[in-house]
Amino acid sequence: MKVMVLGGTGNVGSQVVRELVARDVDVHVLTRNPDKASGLPSGARTVRGDLLDPSTVRSVFRGMDGVFLLNPVSPTETHEGLMAVDGMRLSGVKRVAYLSVHHVDAAPHLPHFGSKIAVETAVKASPFEWTILRPNNFYQNDAFFKDALLQYGVYPQPIGDVGVSRVDIRDVAEAAAVALTTGARAGKTDNLVGPEAVTGKSTAEIWSRVLGRPIAYAGNDLDAWEKQSLRYLPAILAFDFRLMYQFFQEEGLRATAADVEHQTKLLGHPPRRFEDYARETAAAWKASK
């Protein structure tokens, strides 16, 4: 089976690549910059291309049996997603797993949530054997906060006090591999979540335990967060994420017991726990010193 992975050099996509290679799939990774693919498994092949280029769209999906469709958050996210759907239709791709977001319909005003709704609609209206994957906020995002945690003793992600059912990207990758290699989830939408909802405070407490030092939650001040984030994010993304965190603080992004039960059956094991991820990560940071 030949599968094209879009977004395959990022955190989620690269894990999908590893999961598919482990299942003996012939994996191709579309990237604008092949240099970013240096950490991928040796069995994966890189293909240079850009979904904003019609020549890529017309050619890159030829001969592919399946596609993992992940479009990075950007002002062109929807356009790139729709171009990919058109390219897959032209090339006769059979099976598609599209990475959307948990509870996307509850917050269509959030730019990177609403951007996915049009792509979901196009995928569902296609001739593909499609699966929509709707993951919650990723555990592995916390790797970006290593310096804040280790140097300043602060957990900075302002996820609030209502609760977010964050998920491990390894669970997301497994679900994508199941969808693409078996077709068992054709025509289905799968929520991908963690086993319990966490808050900003409880997340800081977990990091305190696994790091063996006090970690404070930076709090829910979104003005302060946005100002700080402009040091490493473009203004348009900082604003987008600020709106998302406001939604988290007001409404949360919580899973149901049925979501957890379904995911357990789908993957054959319970969702990975955030504390286990944090403990593994803390050990890796310590070993790398």
C-alpha atoms as a PDB file:
ATOM      1  CA  MET A   1       0.000   0.000   0.000  1.00  0.00           C
ATOM      2  CA  LYS A   2       1.296   3.469  -0.930  1.00  0.00           C
ATOM      3  CA  VAL A   3       0.352   6.387   1.335  1.00  0.00           C
ATOM      4  CA  MET A   4       1.174  10.068   0.982  1.00  0.00           C
ATOM      5  CA  VAL A   5       1.549  11.911   4.294  1.00  0.00           C
ATOM      6  CA  LEU A   6       0.978  15.653   4.246  1.00  0.00           C
ATOM      7  CA  GLY A   7       2.496  17.518   7.181  1.00  0.00           C
ATOM      8  CA  GLY A   8       4.851  14.584   7.632  1.00  0.00           C
ATOM      9  CA  THR A   9       7.797  16.620   8.947  1.00  0.00           C
ATOM     10  CA  GLY A  10       5.832  18.079  11.872  1.00  0.00           C
ATOM     11  CA  ASN A  11       5.145  16.587  15.305  1.00  0.00           C
ATOM     12  CA  VAL A  12       1.930  14.762  14.412  1.00  0.00           C
ATOM     13  CA  GLY A  13       2.698  13.920  10.802  1.00  0.00           C
ATOM     14  CA  SER A  14       6.128  12.488  11.576  1.00  0.00           C
ATOM     15  CA  GLN A  15       4.575  10.188  14.166  1.00  0.00           C
ATOM     16  CA  VAL A  16       2.031   9.057  11.557  1.00  0.00           C
ATOM     17  CA  VAL A  17       4.947   8.303   9.218  1.00  0.00           C
ATOM     18  CA  ARG A  18       6.619   6.154  11.886  1.00  0.00           C
ATOM     19  CA  GLU A  19       3.397   4.295  12.602  1.00  0.00           C
ATOM     20  CA  LEU A  20       2.789   3.553   8.920  1.00  0.00           C
ATOM     21  CA  VAL A  21       6.391   2.481   8.250  1.00  0.00           C
ATOM     22  CA  ALA A  22       6.147   0.103  11.210  1.00  0.00           C
ATOM     23  CA  ARG A  23       3.153  -1.461   9.440  1.00  0.00           C
ATOM     24  CA  ASP A  24       5.158  -1.981   6.219  1.00  0.00           C
ATOM     25  CA  VAL A  25       3.383   0.768   4.304  1.00  0.00           C
ATOM     26  CA  ASP A  26       5.205   2.442   1.394  1.00  0.00           C
ATOM     27  CA  VAL A  27       5.220   5.993   2.804  1.00  0.00           C
ATOM     28  CA  HIS A  28       5.811   9.177   0.820  1.00  0.00           C
ATOM     29  CA  VAL A  29       6.094  12.543   2.587  1.00  0.00           C
ATOM     30  CA  LEU A  30       5.217  15.784   0.813  1.00  0.00           C
ATOM     31  CA  THR A  31       7.328  18.710   1.990  1.00  0.00           C
ATOM     32  CA  ARG A  32       8.355  22.120   0.751  1.00  0.00           C
ATOM     33  CA  ASN A  33      11.806  21.542   2.247  1.00  0.00           C
ATOM     34  CA  PRO A  34      13.225  17.981   2.169  1.00  0.00           C
ATOM     35  CA  ASP A  35      15.949  19.034   4.635  1.00  0.00           C
ATOM     36  CA  LYS A  36      13.271  18.993   7.344  1.00  0.00           C
ATOM     37  CA  ALA A  37      12.698  15.278   6.726  1.00  0.00           C
ATOM     38  CA  SER A  38      16.115  14.187   8.005  1.00  0.00           C
ATOM     39  CA  GLY A  39      14.656  12.669  11.185  1.00  0.00           C
ATOM     40  CA  LEU A  40      12.116  10.444   9.457  1.00  0.00           C
ATOM     41  CA  PRO A  41      12.465   6.646   9.315  1.00  0.00           C
ATOM     42  CA  SER A  42      14.663   5.309   6.537  1.00  0.00           C
ATOM     43  CA  GLY A  43      11.667   3.641   4.898  1.00  0.00           C
ATOM     44  CA  ALA A  44       9.939   6.955   4.157  1.00  0.00           C
ATOM     45  CA  ARG A  45      10.498   8.760   0.871  1.00  0.00           C
ATOM     46  CA  THR A  46      10.327  12.548   0.611  1.00  0.00           C
ATOM     47  CA  VAL A  47       8.680  14.389  -2.256  1.00  0.00           C
ATOM     48  CA  ARG A  48       9.253  18.098  -2.777  1.00  0.00           C
ATOM     49  CA  GLY A  49       6.094  20.068  -3.461  1.00  0.00           C
ATOM     50  CA  ASP A  50       3.685  22.791  -2.399  1.00  0.00           C
ATOM     51  CA  LEU A  51      -0.110  22.530  -2.275  1.00  0.00           C
ATOM     52  CA  LEU A  52      -0.346  26.146  -3.407  1.00  0.00           C
ATOM     53  CA  ASP A  53       1.306  25.086  -6.695  1.00  0.00           C
ATOM     54  CA  PRO A  54      -1.131  23.501  -9.195  1.00  0.00           C
ATOM     55  CA  SER A  55       1.650  21.394 -10.706  1.00  0.00           C
ATOM     56  CA  THR A  56       2.126  19.699  -7.314  1.00  0.00           C
ATOM     57  CA  VAL A  57      -1.603  19.199  -6.901  1.00  0.00           C
ATOM     58  CA  ARG A  58      -1.925  17.617 -10.348  1.00  0.00           C
ATOM     59  CA  SER A  59       0.975  15.196  -9.945  1.00  0.00           C
ATOM     60  CA  VAL A  60       1.857  14.322  -6.373  1.00  0.00           C
ATOM     61  CA  PHE A  61      -1.070  12.000  -5.584  1.00  0.00           C
ATOM     62  CA  ARG A  62      -0.709   9.797  -8.673  1.00  0.00           C
ATOM     63  CA  GLY A  63      -0.374   6.147  -7.746  1.00  0.00           C
ATOM     64  CA  MET A  64      -1.274   6.718  -4.097  1.00  0.00           C
ATOM     65  CA  ASP A  65      -3.730   4.368  -2.414  1.00  0.00           C
ATOM     66  CA  GLY A  66      -4.198   6.570   0.637  1.00  0.00           C
ATOM     67  CA  VAL A  67      -3.443  10.025   1.999  1.00  0.00           C
ATOM     68  CA  PHE A  68      -3.027  11.401   5.507  1.00  0.00           C
ATOM     69  CA  LEU A  69      -4.206  14.990   5.137  1.00  0.00           C
ATOM     70  CA  LEU A  70      -2.834  17.477   7.661  1.00  0.00           C
ATOM     71  CA  ASN A  71      -2.664  21.153   6.772  1.00  0.00           C
ATOM     72  CA  PRO A  72      -0.512  23.296   9.088  1.00  0.00           C
ATOM     73  CA  VAL A  73      -2.253  26.203  10.801  1.00  0.00           C
ATOM     74  CA  SER A  74      -1.859  29.224   8.543  1.00  0.00           C
ATOM     75  CA  PRO A  75      -3.981  31.818   6.729  1.00  0.00           C
ATOM     76  CA  THR A  76      -3.967  29.485   3.684  1.00  0.00           C
ATOM     77  CA  GLU A  77      -4.969  26.334   5.592  1.00  0.00           C
ATOM     78  CA  THR A  78      -8.397  25.930   3.994  1.00  0.00           C
ATOM     79  CA  HIS A  79      -7.135  26.614   0.483  1.00  0.00           C
ATOM     80  CA  GLU A  80      -4.339  24.069   0.826  1.00  0.00           C
ATOM     81  CA  GLY A  81      -6.777  21.495   2.171  1.00  0.00           C
ATOM     82  CA  LEU A  82      -9.209  21.980  -0.696  1.00  0.00           C
ATOM     83  CA  MET A  83      -6.412  21.885  -3.262  1.00  0.00           C
ATOM     84  CA  ALA A  84      -5.309  18.555  -1.790  1.00  0.00           C
ATOM     85  CA  VAL A  85      -8.854  17.179  -2.012  1.00  0.00           C
ATOM     86  CA  ASP A  86      -9.029  18.203  -5.679  1.00  0.00           C
ATOM     87  CA  GLY A  87      -5.642  16.643  -6.383  1.00  0.00           C
ATOM     88  CA  MET A  88      -6.711  13.386  -4.754  1.00  0.00           C
ATOM     89  CA  ARG A  89      -9.924  13.330  -6.760  1.00  0.00           C
ATOM     90  CA  LEU A  90      -8.017  13.860 -10.003  1.00  0.00           C
ATOM     91  CA  SER A  91      -5.616  11.033  -9.157  1.00  0.00           C
ATOM     92  CA  GLY A  92      -8.225   8.526  -7.995  1.00  0.00           C
ATOM     93  CA  VAL A  93      -6.996   8.176  -4.416  1.00  0.00           C
ATOM     94  CA  LYS A  94      -9.046   5.565  -2.589  1.00  0.00           C
ATOM     95  CA  ARG A  95      -8.664   6.264   1.129  1.00  0.00           C
ATOM     96  CA  VAL A  96      -8.158   9.488   3.141  1.00  0.00           C
ATOM     97  CA  ALA A  97      -7.716  10.301   6.820  1.00  0.00           C
ATOM     98  CA  TYR A  98      -8.167  14.020   7.502  1.00  0.00           C
ATOM     99  CA  LEU A  99      -6.868  15.649  10.689  1.00  0.00           C
ATOM    100  CA  SER A 100      -9.458  18.133  11.958  1.00  0.00           C
ATOM    101  CA  VAL A 101      -9.969  19.211  15.593  1.00  0.00           C
ATOM    102  CA  HIS A 102     -12.099  18.112  18.551  1.00  0.00           C
ATOM    103  CA  HIS A 103     -15.465  19.886  18.830  1.00  0.00           C
ATOM    104  CA  VAL A 104     -14.735  21.887  15.673  1.00  0.00           C
ATOM    105  CA  ASP A 105     -18.439  22.686  15.257  1.00  0.00           C
ATOM    106  CA  ALA A 106     -18.631  24.260  18.703  1.00  0.00           C
ATOM    107  CA  ALA A 107     -16.202  27.041  17.818  1.00  0.00           C
ATOM    108  CA  PRO A 108     -16.356  27.758  14.066  1.00  0.00           C
ATOM    109  CA  HIS A 109     -15.367  31.377  14.750  1.00  0.00           C
ATOM    110  CA  LEU A 110     -11.860  30.328  15.736  1.00  0.00           C
ATOM    111  CA  PRO A 111      -9.803  30.748  12.544  1.00  0.00           C
ATOM    112  CA  HIS A 112      -7.920  27.441  12.691  1.00  0.00           C
ATOM    113  CA  PHE A 113     -11.079  25.589  13.785  1.00  0.00           C
ATOM    114  CA  GLY A 114     -13.357  27.129  11.166  1.00  0.00           C
ATOM    115  CA  SER A 115     -10.716  26.596   8.477  1.00  0.00           C
ATOM    116  CA  LYS A 116     -11.153  22.855   8.890  1.00  0.00           C
ATOM    117  CA  ILE A 117     -14.924  22.798   8.469  1.00  0.00           C
ATOM    118  CA  ALA A 118     -14.790  23.492   4.728  1.00  0.00           C
ATOM    119  CA  VAL A 119     -12.168  20.780   4.243  1.00  0.00           C
ATOM    120  CA  GLU A 120     -14.232  18.291   6.274  1.00  0.00           C
ATOM    121  CA  THR A 121     -17.223  19.090   4.057  1.00  0.00           C
ATOM    122  CA  ALA A 122     -15.194  18.577   0.875  1.00  0.00           C
ATOM    123  CA  VAL A 123     -13.760  15.285   2.139  1.00  0.00           C
ATOM    124  CA  LYS A 124     -17.207  13.980   3.090  1.00  0.00           C
ATOM    125  CA  ALA A 125     -18.585  14.918  -0.340  1.00  0.00           C
ATOM    126  CA  SER A 126     -15.757  13.085  -2.123  1.00  0.00           C
ATOM    127  CA  PRO A 127     -15.689   9.521  -3.510  1.00  0.00           C
ATOM    128  CA  PHE A 128     -12.973   8.552  -0.992  1.00  0.00           C
ATOM    129  CA  GLU A 129     -13.204   6.057   1.824  1.00  0.00           C
ATOM    130  CA  TRP A 130     -12.752   8.907   4.284  1.00  0.00           C
ATOM    131  CA  THR A 131     -12.177   9.122   8.012  1.00  0.00           C
ATOM    132  CA  ILE A 132     -12.261  12.386   9.943  1.00  0.00           C
ATOM    133  CA  LEU A 133      -9.935  12.467  12.951  1.00  0.00           C
ATOM    134  CA  ARG A 134     -10.766  15.120  15.543  1.00  0.00           C
ATOM    135  CA  PRO A 135      -7.980  15.322  18.146  1.00  0.00           C
ATOM    136  CA  ASN A 136      -7.891  17.493  21.229  1.00  0.00           C
ATOM    137  CA  ASN A 137      -4.925  19.685  22.224  1.00  0.00           C
ATOM    138  CA  PHE A 138      -1.668  17.702  21.991  1.00  0.00           C
ATOM    139  CA  TYR A 139       0.448  16.682  25.011  1.00  0.00           C
ATOM    140  CA  GLN A 140       3.557  17.111  22.881  1.00  0.00           C
ATOM    141  CA  ASN A 141       2.904  20.851  22.514  1.00  0.00           C
ATOM    142  CA  ASP A 142       4.480  21.103  25.966  1.00  0.00           C
ATOM    143  CA  ALA A 143       7.898  20.391  24.474  1.00  0.00           C
ATOM    144  CA  PHE A 144       7.813  24.016  23.293  1.00  0.00           C
ATOM    145  CA  PHE A 145       7.703  25.092  26.945  1.00  0.00           C
ATOM    146  CA  LYS A 146      10.902  23.328  28.010  1.00  0.00           C
ATOM    147  CA  ASP A 147      12.788  26.545  28.781  1.00  0.00           C
ATOM    148  CA  ALA A 148       9.855  28.073  30.652  1.00  0.00           C
ATOM    149  CA  LEU A 149       9.530  24.933  32.768  1.00  0.00           C
ATOM    150  CA  LEU A 150      13.202  24.272  33.451  1.00  0.00           C
ATOM    151  CA  GLN A 151      14.611  27.802  33.610  1.00  0.00           C
ATOM    152  CA  TYR A 152      11.723  29.771  35.082  1.00  0.00           C
ATOM    153  CA  GLY A 153       9.534  27.180  36.817  1.00  0.00           C
ATOM    154  CA  VAL A 154       6.432  28.282  34.930  1.00  0.00           C
ATOM    155  CA  TYR A 155       3.838  26.478  32.817  1.00  0.00           C
ATOM    156  CA  PRO A 156       2.741  29.139  30.294  1.00  0.00           C
ATOM    157  CA  GLN A 157      -0.057  27.609  28.189  1.00  0.00           C
ATOM    158  CA  PRO A 158      -3.229  29.461  29.329  1.00  0.00           C
ATOM    159  CA  ILE A 159      -5.696  26.561  29.026  1.00  0.00           C
ATOM    160  CA  GLY A 160      -7.772  27.763  31.953  1.00  0.00           C
ATOM    161  CA  ASP A 161      -9.738  26.093  34.722  1.00  0.00           C
ATOM    162  CA  VAL A 162     -12.662  24.364  32.963  1.00  0.00           C
ATOM    163  CA  GLY A 163     -10.704  21.419  31.558  1.00  0.00           C
ATOM    164  CA  VAL A 164      -9.189  20.211  28.282  1.00  0.00           C
ATOM    165  CA  SER A 165      -9.028  16.499  27.371  1.00  0.00           C
ATOM    166  CA  ARG A 166      -5.573  16.679  25.828  1.00  0.00           C
ATOM    167  CA  VAL A 167      -4.288  13.771  23.743  1.00  0.00           C
ATOM    168  CA  ASP A 168      -0.976  12.067  22.995  1.00  0.00           C
ATOM    169  CA  ILE A 169       0.042  12.314  19.333  1.00  0.00           C
ATOM    170  CA  ARG A 170       1.008   8.631  19.436  1.00  0.00           C
ATOM    171  CA  ASP A 171      -2.663   7.803  19.901  1.00  0.00           C
ATOM    172  CA  VAL A 172      -3.533  10.108  17.000  1.00  0.00           C
ATOM    173  CA  ALA A 173      -0.950   8.383  14.787  1.00  0.00           C
ATOM    174  CA  GLU A 174      -2.290   4.943  15.681  1.00  0.00           C
ATOM    175  CA  ALA A 175      -5.834   6.013  14.811  1.00  0.00           C
ATOM    176  CA  ALA A 176      -4.632   7.396  11.467  1.00  0.00           C
ATOM    177  CA  ALA A 177      -2.792   4.154  10.690  1.00  0.00           C
ATOM    178  CA  VAL A 178      -5.866   2.074  11.529  1.00  0.00           C
ATOM    179  CA  ALA A 179      -8.017   4.234   9.257  1.00  0.00           C
ATOM    180  CA  LEU A 180      -5.599   4.163   6.335  1.00  0.00           C
ATOM    181  CA  THR A 181      -4.485   0.536   6.428  1.00  0.00           C
ATOM    182  CA  THR A 182      -7.762  -1.190   7.274  1.00  0.00           C
ATOM    183  CA  GLY A 183     -10.544   1.048   5.973  1.00  0.00           C
ATOM    184  CA  ALA A 184     -12.480   0.018   9.081  1.00  0.00           C
ATOM    185  CA  ARG A 185     -13.397   3.629   9.905  1.00  0.00           C
ATOM    186  CA  ALA A 186     -14.588   4.598   6.430  1.00  0.00           C
ATOM    187  CA  GLY A 187     -17.326   7.205   6.629  1.00  0.00           C
ATOM    188  CA  LYS A 188     -16.735   7.779  10.356  1.00  0.00           C
ATOM    189  CA  THR A 189     -15.599  10.672  12.528  1.00  0.00           C
ATOM    190  CA  ASP A 190     -13.387   9.792  15.507  1.00  0.00           C
ATOM    191  CA  ASN A 191     -12.769  12.058  18.488  1.00  0.00           C
ATOM    192  CA  LEU A 192      -9.247  11.525  19.840  1.00  0.00           C
ATOM    193  CA  VAL A 193      -8.756  12.504  23.465  1.00  0.00           C
ATOM    194  CA  GLY A 194      -6.957  11.844  26.709  1.00  0.00           C
ATOM    195  CA  PRO A 195      -8.458   9.817  29.561  1.00  0.00           C
ATOM    196  CA  GLU A 196      -9.034  12.817  31.825  1.00  0.00           C
ATOM    197  CA  ALA A 197      -9.437  16.558  31.411  1.00  0.00           C
ATOM    198  CA  VAL A 198      -6.596  18.728  32.696  1.00  0.00           C
ATOM    199  CA  THR A 199      -6.494  22.401  33.641  1.00  0.00           C
ATOM    200  CA  GLY A 200      -3.663  24.895  33.663  1.00  0.00           C
ATOM    201  CA  LYS A 201      -3.216  24.380  37.397  1.00  0.00           C
ATOM    202  CA  SER A 202      -3.362  20.571  37.287  1.00  0.00           C
ATOM    203  CA  THR A 203      -0.894  20.522  34.389  1.00  0.00           C
ATOM    204  CA  ALA A 204       1.558  22.632  36.386  1.00  0.00           C
ATOM    205  CA  GLU A 205       1.114  20.268  39.351  1.00  0.00           C
ATOM    206  CA  ILE A 206       1.938  17.270  37.149  1.00  0.00           C
ATOM    207  CA  TRP A 207       5.074  18.953  35.824  1.00  0.00           C
ATOM    208  CA  SER A 208       6.042  19.759  39.415  1.00  0.00           C
ATOM    209  CA  ARG A 209       5.832  16.077  40.349  1.00  0.00           C
ATOM    210  CA  VAL A 210       7.754  14.700  37.395  1.00  0.00           C
ATOM    211  CA  LEU A 211      10.452  17.395  37.443  1.00  0.00           C
ATOM    212  CA  GLY A 212      10.830  17.320  41.219  1.00  0.00           C
ATOM    213  CA  ARG A 213      10.624  21.106  41.525  1.00  0.00           C
ATOM    214  CA  PRO A 214       7.849  23.696  41.923  1.00  0.00           C
ATOM    215  CA  ILE A 215       6.145  24.672  38.674  1.00  0.00           C
ATOM    216  CA  ALA A 216       3.607  27.507  38.789  1.00  0.00           C
ATOM    217  CA  TYR A 217       0.752  28.007  36.337  1.00  0.00           C
ATOM    218  CA  ALA A 218       1.298  31.363  34.607  1.00  0.00           C
ATOM    219  CA  GLY A 219      -2.431  32.074  34.795  1.00  0.00           C
ATOM    220  CA  ASN A 220      -5.256  33.087  32.487  1.00  0.00           C
ATOM    221  CA  ASP A 221      -4.152  36.610  31.517  1.00  0.00           C
ATOM    222  CA  LEU A 222      -4.514  36.489  27.735  1.00  0.00           C
ATOM    223  CA  ASP A 223      -3.230  40.032  27.197  1.00  0.00           C
ATOM    224  CA  ALA A 224       0.046  39.037  28.845  1.00  0.00           C
ATOM    225  CA  TRP A 225       0.169  35.724  26.960  1.00  0.00           C
ATOM    226  CA  GLU A 226      -0.385  37.369  23.570  1.00  0.00           C
ATOM    227  CA  LYS A 227       2.274  40.003  24.227  1.00  0.00           C
ATOM    228  CA  GLN A 228       4.779  37.312  25.207  1.00  0.00           C
ATOM    229  CA  SER A 229       3.890  35.049  22.278  1.00  0.00           C
ATOM    230  CA  LEU A 230       4.649  37.771  19.736  1.00  0.00           C
ATOM    231  CA  ARG A 231       8.327  37.062  20.401  1.00  0.00           C
ATOM    232  CA  TYR A 232       8.044  33.772  18.515  1.00  0.00           C
ATOM    233  CA  LEU A 233       4.700  33.796  16.651  1.00  0.00           C
ATOM    234  CA  PRO A 234       3.422  35.997  13.822  1.00  0.00           C
ATOM    235  CA  ALA A 235       0.726  38.388  15.056  1.00  0.00           C
ATOM    236  CA  ILE A 236      -2.029  36.645  13.087  1.00  0.00           C
ATOM    237  CA  LEU A 237      -1.308  33.273  14.748  1.00  0.00           C
ATOM    238  CA  ALA A 238      -0.897  34.809  18.206  1.00  0.00           C
ATOM    239  CA  PHE A 239      -4.353  36.351  17.829  1.00  0.00           C
ATOM    240  CA  ASP A 240      -5.812  33.082  16.519  1.00  0.00           C
ATOM    241  CA  PHE A 241      -4.416  31.106  19.459  1.00  0.00           C
ATOM    242  CA  ARG A 242      -5.497  33.796  21.930  1.00  0.00           C
ATOM    243  CA  LEU A 243      -9.083  33.349  20.715  1.00  0.00           C
ATOM    244  CA  MET A 244      -8.695  29.576  21.124  1.00  0.00           C
ATOM    245  CA  TYR A 245      -7.426  29.909  24.688  1.00  0.00           C
ATOM    246  CA  GLN A 246     -10.294  32.260  25.496  1.00  0.00           C
ATOM    247  CA  PHE A 247     -12.656  29.524  24.300  1.00  0.00           C
ATOM    248  CA  PHE A 248     -10.829  26.960  26.435  1.00  0.00           C
ATOM    249  CA  GLN A 249     -11.070  29.226  29.465  1.00  0.00           C
ATOM    250  CA  GLU A 250     -14.779  29.876  28.970  1.00  0.00           C
ATOM    251  CA  GLU A 251     -16.033  26.547  27.616  1.00  0.00           C
ATOM    252  CA  GLY A 252     -13.240  24.005  27.968  1.00  0.00           C
ATOM    253  CA  LEU A 253     -12.624  21.239  25.433  1.00  0.00           C
ATOM    254  CA  ARG A 254     -13.721  18.153  27.308  1.00  0.00           C
ATOM    255  CA  ALA A 255     -14.281  14.603  26.118  1.00  0.00           C
ATOM    256  CA  THR A 256     -17.159  12.363  27.127  1.00  0.00           C
ATOM    257  CA  ALA A 257     -16.890   8.929  28.695  1.00  0.00           C
ATOM    258  CA  ALA A 258     -18.169   7.581  25.370  1.00  0.00           C
ATOM    259  CA  ASP A 259     -15.231   9.230  23.555  1.00  0.00           C
ATOM    260  CA  VAL A 260     -12.749   7.503  25.862  1.00  0.00           C
ATOM    261  CA  GLU A 261     -14.511   4.153  25.560  1.00  0.00           C
ATOM    262  CA  HIS A 262     -14.620   4.383  21.758  1.00  0.00           C
ATOM    263  CA  GLN A 263     -10.942   5.283  21.493  1.00  0.00           C
ATOM    264  CA  THR A 264      -9.994   2.409  23.780  1.00  0.00           C
ATOM    265  CA  LYS A 265     -11.819  -0.029  21.493  1.00  0.00           C
ATOM    266  CA  LEU A 266     -10.375   1.562  18.359  1.00  0.00           C
ATOM    267  CA  LEU A 267      -6.739   1.364  19.484  1.00  0.00           C
ATOM    268  CA  GLY A 268      -6.938  -1.703  21.689  1.00  0.00           C
ATOM    269  CA  HIS A 269      -5.614   0.172  24.719  1.00  0.00           C
ATOM    270  CA  PRO A 270      -6.730   3.091  26.920  1.00  0.00           C
ATOM    271  CA  PRO A 271      -5.737   6.616  25.880  1.00  0.00           C
ATOM    272  CA  ARG A 272      -2.264   7.494  27.083  1.00  0.00           C
ATOM    273  CA  ARG A 273      -2.195   9.609  30.260  1.00  0.00           C
ATOM    274  CA  PHE A 274      -0.709  13.097  30.363  1.00  0.00           C
ATOM    275  CA  GLU A 275       1.288  12.323  33.499  1.00  0.00           C
ATOM    276  CA  ASP A 276       2.958   9.379  31.762  1.00  0.00           C
ATOM    277  CA  TYR A 277       3.908  11.617  28.827  1.00  0.00           C
ATOM    278  CA  ALA A 278       5.266  14.273  31.186  1.00  0.00           C
ATOM    279  CA  ARG A 279       7.299  11.705  33.137  1.00  0.00           C
ATOM    280  CA  GLU A 280       8.819  10.298  29.919  1.00  0.00           C
ATOM    281  CA  THR A 281       9.630  13.793  28.694  1.00  0.00           C
ATOM    282  CA  ALA A 282      11.180  14.876  31.982  1.00  0.00           C
ATOM    283  CA  ALA A 283      13.399  11.780  31.938  1.00  0.00           C
ATOM    284  CA  ALA A 284      14.469  12.526  28.352  1.00  0.00           C
ATOM    285  CA  TRP A 285      15.325  16.132  29.251  1.00  0.00           C
ATOM    286  CA  LYS A 286      17.392  14.956  32.199  1.00  0.00           C
ATOM    287  CA  ALA A 287      19.230  12.361  30.089  1.00  0.00           C
ATOM    288  CA  SER A 288      20.092  14.958  27.435  1.00  0.00           C
ATOM    289  CA  LYS A 289      21.932  17.261  29.850  1.00  0.00           C
END
